[in-house]
Protein backbone atom coordinates (compact mmCIF):
# COMPACT_ATOMS: atom_id res chain seq x y z
CA MET A 1 3.13 10.55 8.92
CA HIS A 2 1.45 9.29 12.08
CA HIS A 3 -2.25 8.52 12.14
CA ASP A 4 -2.85 11.86 13.85
CA GLY A 5 -1.24 13.73 10.94
CA ARG A 6 2.04 14.64 12.63
CA HIS A 7 5.43 14.32 10.96
CA PRO A 8 7.46 13.15 13.92
CA THR A 9 11.01 13.94 14.82
CA SER A 10 11.98 11.11 17.05
CA ALA A 11 14.84 9.78 19.08
CA ALA A 12 13.79 6.31 17.90
CA PRO A 13 16.71 5.37 15.65
CA PHE A 14 16.69 3.83 12.22
CA ALA A 15 18.04 0.34 12.68
CA ALA A 16 21.76 0.12 12.05
CA PRO A 17 23.23 -1.14 9.82
CA ASP A 18 19.97 -1.05 7.83
CA LEU A 19 19.64 2.72 7.89
CA HIS A 20 17.66 2.59 4.63
CA VAL A 21 14.75 0.86 6.43
CA CYS A 22 12.45 3.22 8.33
CA ARG A 23 11.81 2.33 11.93
CA GLY A 24 8.41 4.02 11.70
CA CYS A 25 6.80 2.62 8.54
CA ARG A 26 9.30 -0.18 7.73
CA TRP A 27 9.66 0.98 4.10
CA THR A 28 13.05 1.44 2.44
CA PHE A 29 12.71 5.17 1.75
CA VAL A 30 15.24 6.58 4.21
CA VAL A 31 17.66 9.13 2.81
CA PRO A 32 20.35 11.28 4.39
CA VAL A 33 19.27 14.91 4.66
CA ALA A 34 22.31 16.53 6.26
CA MET A 35 25.58 15.87 7.99
CA ILE A 36 25.22 18.07 11.02
CA ASP A 37 28.56 17.62 12.76
CA VAL A 38 31.80 15.67 12.76
CA LEU A 39 32.08 13.90 16.11
CA GLY A 40 35.40 12.18 15.58
CA PRO A 41 37.68 10.70 12.96
CA ASP A 42 35.07 8.22 11.69
CA ARG A 43 31.89 9.41 13.41
CA TYR A 44 29.29 11.88 12.17
CA LEU A 45 26.03 13.33 13.43
CA VAL A 46 23.61 12.90 10.53
CA GLU A 47 19.99 13.68 9.86
CA LEU A 48 18.06 10.89 8.15
CA GLN A 49 14.49 11.17 6.88
CA CYS A 50 11.98 8.67 5.56
CA THR A 51 10.46 10.08 2.39
CA ASN A 52 7.44 7.82 2.87
CA CYS A 53 6.25 8.70 6.39
CA GLY A 54 8.35 11.77 7.18
CA LEU A 55 10.08 10.33 10.24
CA THR A 56 13.26 12.31 10.86
CA VAL A 57 16.08 11.12 13.09
CA VAL A 58 19.32 12.87 14.05
CA GLU A 59 21.90 10.38 15.32
CA PRO A 60 25.61 9.67 15.32
CA HIS A 61 26.84 6.98 12.92
CA ASP A 62 30.26 5.73 11.92
CA ASP A 63 31.77 5.60 8.45
CA GLN A 64 31.08 1.90 7.97
CA VAL A 65 27.32 2.23 8.56
CA LEU A 66 27.06 5.37 6.42
CA GLU A 67 28.99 3.68 3.60
CA ALA A 68 26.55 0.75 3.79
CA LEU A 69 23.67 3.24 3.46
CA ASP A 70 25.38 4.85 0.47
CA ARG A 71 25.86 1.46 -1.22
CA GLU A 72 22.21 0.57 -0.60
CA LEU A 73 21.02 3.89 -2.05
CA ASP A 74 23.26 3.29 -5.11
CA ARG A 75 21.72 -0.19 -5.47
CA GLN A 76 18.20 1.25 -5.27
CA VAL A 77 19.04 3.84 -7.95
CA ALA A 78 20.44 1.07 -10.18
CA ASP A 79 17.24 -0.95 -9.66
CA MET A 80 15.12 2.07 -10.63
CA ARG A 81 17.22 2.67 -13.75
CA ALA A 82 16.87 -0.98 -14.76
CA ALA A 83 13.09 -0.83 -14.23
CA LEU A 84 12.93 2.36 -16.30
CA GLU A 85 14.87 0.70 -19.13
CA VAL A 86 12.47 -2.27 -19.12
CA TRP A 87 9.51 0.13 -19.19
CA GLU A 88 11.03 2.11 -22.08
CA VAL A 89 11.70 -1.03 -24.15
CA THR A 90 8.18 -2.31 -23.44
CA ARG A 91 6.66 1.03 -24.42
CA GLN A 92 8.69 1.15 -27.64
CA ALA A 93 7.63 -2.41 -28.54
CA GLU A 94 3.99 -1.45 -27.95
CA GLU A 95 4.41 1.59 -30.23
CA VAL A 96 5.96 -0.57 -32.97
CA ASP A 97 3.09 -3.07 -32.62
CA ALA A 98 0.51 -0.27 -32.79
CA PHE A 99 2.20 1.22 -35.87
CA ALA A 100 2.35 -2.17 -37.59
CA GLN A 101 -1.32 -2.77 -36.80
CA ALA A 102 -2.22 0.68 -38.16
CA LEU A 103 -0.32 -0.12 -41.37
CA GLN A 104 -2.04 -3.48 -41.67
CA ASP A 105 -5.47 -1.91 -41.14
CA ASP A 106 -4.74 0.78 -43.77
CA HIS A 107 -4.95 3.61 -41.24
CA ILE A 108 -1.64 5.00 -42.48
CA LEU A 109 -1.33 5.97 -46.12
CA PRO A 110 1.69 7.11 -48.20
CA GLU A 111 0.40 10.67 -48.15
CA ASP A 112 0.68 10.64 -44.33
CA PHE A 113 4.44 10.96 -44.77
């Protein structure tokens, strides 16, 4: 979003081959929205949007650049899954520690089960 509140649609392209990096806000939140047209054997007109600032761009790109975007999006998803797994393990360890502390402090009795 621009400072004046607009969500621009711009001819300013996302930098190729780094289509995942927004030209507007420079964050890596660009995702493909739609393939609008097939322009040739290896060329497509695609709509890309930054989910951070809302910048939307419709441009032609070839297979190689779009495959690089797809690989980058897959890598980002894998990174998010790994971060989620770390968070889950950390949360579970904290729950075990809290349960052990409750047992030690006699907050949990046999009749609680």
